[in-house]
Protein backbone atom coordinates (compact mmCIF):
# COMPACT_ATOMS: atom_id res chain seq x y z
CA UNK A 1 -36.96 -161.54 88.68
CA UNK A 2 -36.65 -158.01 87.44
CA UNK A 3 -36.15 -157.44 83.74
CA UNK A 4 -34.70 -154.09 82.68
CA UNK A 5 -37.75 -153.17 80.68
CA UNK A 6 -41.50 -153.71 80.92
CA UNK A 7 -41.98 -156.24 78.13
CA UNK A 8 -41.42 -159.91 79.02
CA UNK A 9 -39.60 -161.51 76.16
CA UNK A 10 -39.33 -165.22 75.85
CA UNK A 11 -36.63 -165.35 73.25
CA UNK A 12 -37.11 -168.70 71.65
CA UNK A 13 -33.98 -169.95 73.32
CA UNK A 14 -35.97 -171.68 76.05
CA UNK A 15 -34.64 -169.30 78.64
CA UNK A 16 -36.46 -166.69 80.60
CA UNK A 17 -33.47 -164.76 81.89
CA UNK A 18 -32.38 -161.73 79.91
CA UNK A 19 -29.77 -159.12 80.57
CA UNK A 20 -30.97 -155.76 81.74
CA UNK A 21 -31.57 -153.38 78.88
CA UNK A 22 -31.66 -149.66 79.60
CA UNK A 23 -33.83 -148.52 76.72
CA UNK A 24 -37.34 -149.62 75.87
CA UNK A 25 -37.48 -151.91 72.81
CA UNK A 26 -38.77 -150.48 69.57
CA UNK A 27 -42.02 -152.25 68.61
CA UNK A 28 -43.97 -151.64 65.44
CA UNK A 29 -46.60 -153.19 63.26
CA UNK A 30 -45.49 -155.59 60.58
CA UNK A 31 -45.87 -154.39 57.01
CA UNK A 32 -48.59 -155.99 54.86
CA UNK A 33 -45.93 -157.13 52.37
CA UNK A 34 -43.89 -158.87 55.05
CA UNK A 35 -47.00 -160.45 56.55
CA UNK A 36 -47.94 -161.77 53.09
CA UNK A 37 -44.43 -163.14 52.53
CA UNK A 38 -44.46 -164.90 55.90
CA UNK A 39 -47.84 -166.49 55.15
CA UNK A 40 -46.62 -167.60 51.69
CA UNK A 41 -43.46 -169.11 53.23
CA UNK A 42 -45.48 -170.96 55.85
CA UNK A 43 -47.78 -172.42 53.18
CA UNK A 44 -44.78 -173.49 51.15
CA UNK A 45 -43.35 -175.32 54.15
CA UNK A 46 -46.67 -177.09 54.70
CA UNK A 47 -46.81 -178.15 51.04
CA UNK A 48 -43.20 -179.19 50.58
CA UNK A 49 -42.79 -180.99 53.92
CA UNK A 50 -46.17 -182.62 53.42
CA UNK A 51 -44.84 -184.11 50.19
CA UNK A 52 -41.72 -185.35 52.00
CA UNK A 53 -43.76 -186.66 54.92
CA UNK A 54 -46.28 -188.28 52.58
CA UNK A 55 -48.84 -186.79 54.96
CA UNK A 56 -50.59 -183.49 55.41
CA UNK A 57 -48.56 -180.95 57.39
CA UNK A 58 -50.72 -178.50 59.32
CA UNK A 59 -50.09 -176.16 62.23
CA UNK A 60 -50.70 -178.95 64.75
CA UNK A 61 -48.18 -180.01 67.40
CA UNK A 62 -47.57 -183.30 65.60
CA UNK A 63 -46.80 -181.43 62.36
CA UNK A 64 -44.45 -178.98 64.17
CA UNK A 65 -42.67 -182.04 65.63
CA UNK A 66 -42.33 -183.53 62.13
CA UNK A 67 -40.82 -180.24 60.89
CA UNK A 68 -38.53 -180.28 63.94
CA UNK A 69 -37.33 -183.71 62.87
CA UNK A 70 -36.83 -182.38 59.33
CA UNK A 71 -34.44 -179.76 60.79
CA UNK A 72 -32.57 -182.50 62.68
CA UNK A 73 -32.21 -184.52 59.48
CA UNK A 74 -30.95 -181.51 57.48
CA UNK A 75 -28.59 -179.73 59.88
CA UNK A 76 -25.47 -180.41 57.79
CA UNK A 77 -26.43 -178.15 54.89
CA UNK A 78 -26.69 -174.38 54.61
CA UNK A 79 -29.81 -173.48 56.59
CA UNK A 80 -30.04 -169.83 55.43
CA UNK A 81 -33.18 -170.12 53.29
CA UNK A 82 -34.70 -172.75 55.53
CA UNK A 83 -34.49 -170.50 58.60
CA UNK A 84 -36.73 -167.92 56.91
CA UNK A 85 -39.26 -170.43 55.57
CA UNK A 86 -39.46 -172.66 58.62
CA UNK A 87 -39.40 -169.62 60.93
CA UNK A 88 -42.45 -168.34 59.04
CA UNK A 89 -44.16 -171.72 59.48
CA UNK A 90 -43.33 -171.87 63.19
CA UNK A 91 -44.69 -168.35 63.80
CA UNK A 92 -47.91 -169.14 61.91
CA UNK A 93 -48.27 -172.39 63.90
CA UNK A 94 -47.88 -170.42 67.14
CA UNK A 95 -50.53 -167.89 66.11
CA UNK A 96 -52.87 -170.63 64.88
CA UNK A 97 -52.66 -172.56 68.17
CA UNK A 98 -52.02 -169.91 70.81
CA UNK A 99 -53.18 -166.66 69.26
CA UNK A 100 -51.15 -163.54 68.79
CA UNK A 101 -49.91 -161.49 65.89
CA UNK A 102 -46.75 -160.72 64.00
CA UNK A 103 -44.91 -157.56 65.09
CA UNK A 104 -41.49 -156.02 64.53
CA UNK A 105 -39.54 -156.07 67.81
CA UNK A 106 -36.27 -154.11 67.71
CA UNK A 107 -36.09 -154.64 63.94
CA UNK A 108 -36.84 -158.38 64.07
CA UNK A 109 -40.08 -160.15 63.14
CA UNK A 110 -41.63 -161.69 66.24
CA UNK A 111 -44.97 -163.06 67.45
CA UNK A 112 -46.65 -161.20 70.28
CA UNK A 113 -48.82 -163.90 71.88
CA UNK A 114 -50.15 -161.60 74.54
CA UNK A 115 -49.28 -158.05 75.59
CA UNK A 116 -45.70 -158.17 76.83
CA UNK A 117 -45.26 -161.85 75.79
CA UNK A 118 -43.18 -162.06 72.62
CA UNK A 119 -41.46 -165.01 70.90
CA UNK A 120 -38.98 -165.06 68.02
CA UNK A 121 -39.67 -167.96 65.61
CA UNK A 122 -36.81 -167.12 63.19
CA UNK A 123 -34.25 -167.06 66.00
CA UNK A 124 -35.57 -170.32 67.41
CA UNK A 125 -35.28 -172.07 64.07
CA UNK A 126 -31.75 -170.74 63.59
CA UNK A 127 -30.80 -172.02 67.03
CA UNK A 128 -32.32 -175.43 66.28
CA UNK A 129 -30.16 -175.69 63.15
CA UNK A 130 -27.14 -174.58 65.11
CA UNK A 131 -27.57 -176.53 68.32
CA UNK A 132 -29.83 -179.47 67.47
CA UNK A 133 -32.32 -180.94 69.91
CA UNK A 134 -31.30 -178.71 72.82
CA UNK A 135 -33.04 -175.91 70.92
CA UNK A 136 -35.76 -178.01 69.30
CA UNK A 137 -38.73 -176.11 67.82
CA UNK A 138 -40.87 -179.14 68.61
CA UNK A 139 -39.99 -179.10 72.30
CA UNK A 140 -40.41 -175.33 72.41
CA UNK A 141 -43.83 -175.50 70.73
CA UNK A 142 -44.96 -178.23 73.16
CA UNK A 143 -43.79 -176.14 76.14
CA UNK A 144 -45.57 -172.91 75.06
CA UNK A 145 -48.79 -173.71 76.97
CA UNK A 146 -46.78 -173.86 80.21
CA UNK A 147 -45.13 -170.48 79.42
CA UNK A 148 -48.50 -168.98 78.62
CA UNK A 149 -50.03 -170.37 81.83
CA UNK A 150 -47.16 -168.92 83.90
CA UNK A 151 -47.63 -165.58 82.14
CA UNK A 152 -51.36 -165.61 82.88
CA UNK A 153 -50.69 -166.25 86.59
CA UNK A 154 -48.41 -163.21 86.98
């Protein structure tokens, strides 16, 4: 499959097909302030959901699945603030388990797991709130090793 630019983007929508884009994406380093805010949000999610779960929430797959269930149980409310905080948590969990770093990709915070392999935690969380289990962050997180293995084989 030919993508219209050199960077392979797995947009956290669990799809690998993207429309052709004529221009190269704009990629930049994340600011220290934004990186700090993301880390603080992620820690807040661990603390608050850990209290709700009556168990320690970490960056493990089981914890990500618990947070995924939390989204399912809270889809009826306004997810605006939750998208930012849980998106921060998901990105930090991805980095903790699979490596990578935060970047800005076309104006949007993203995690570059490997060169040319970028995921969008905030978009994935928003889609989970919008669409439910078909866009589950837990299922996505569990599938990442397969995506990474396929990337490594290319």
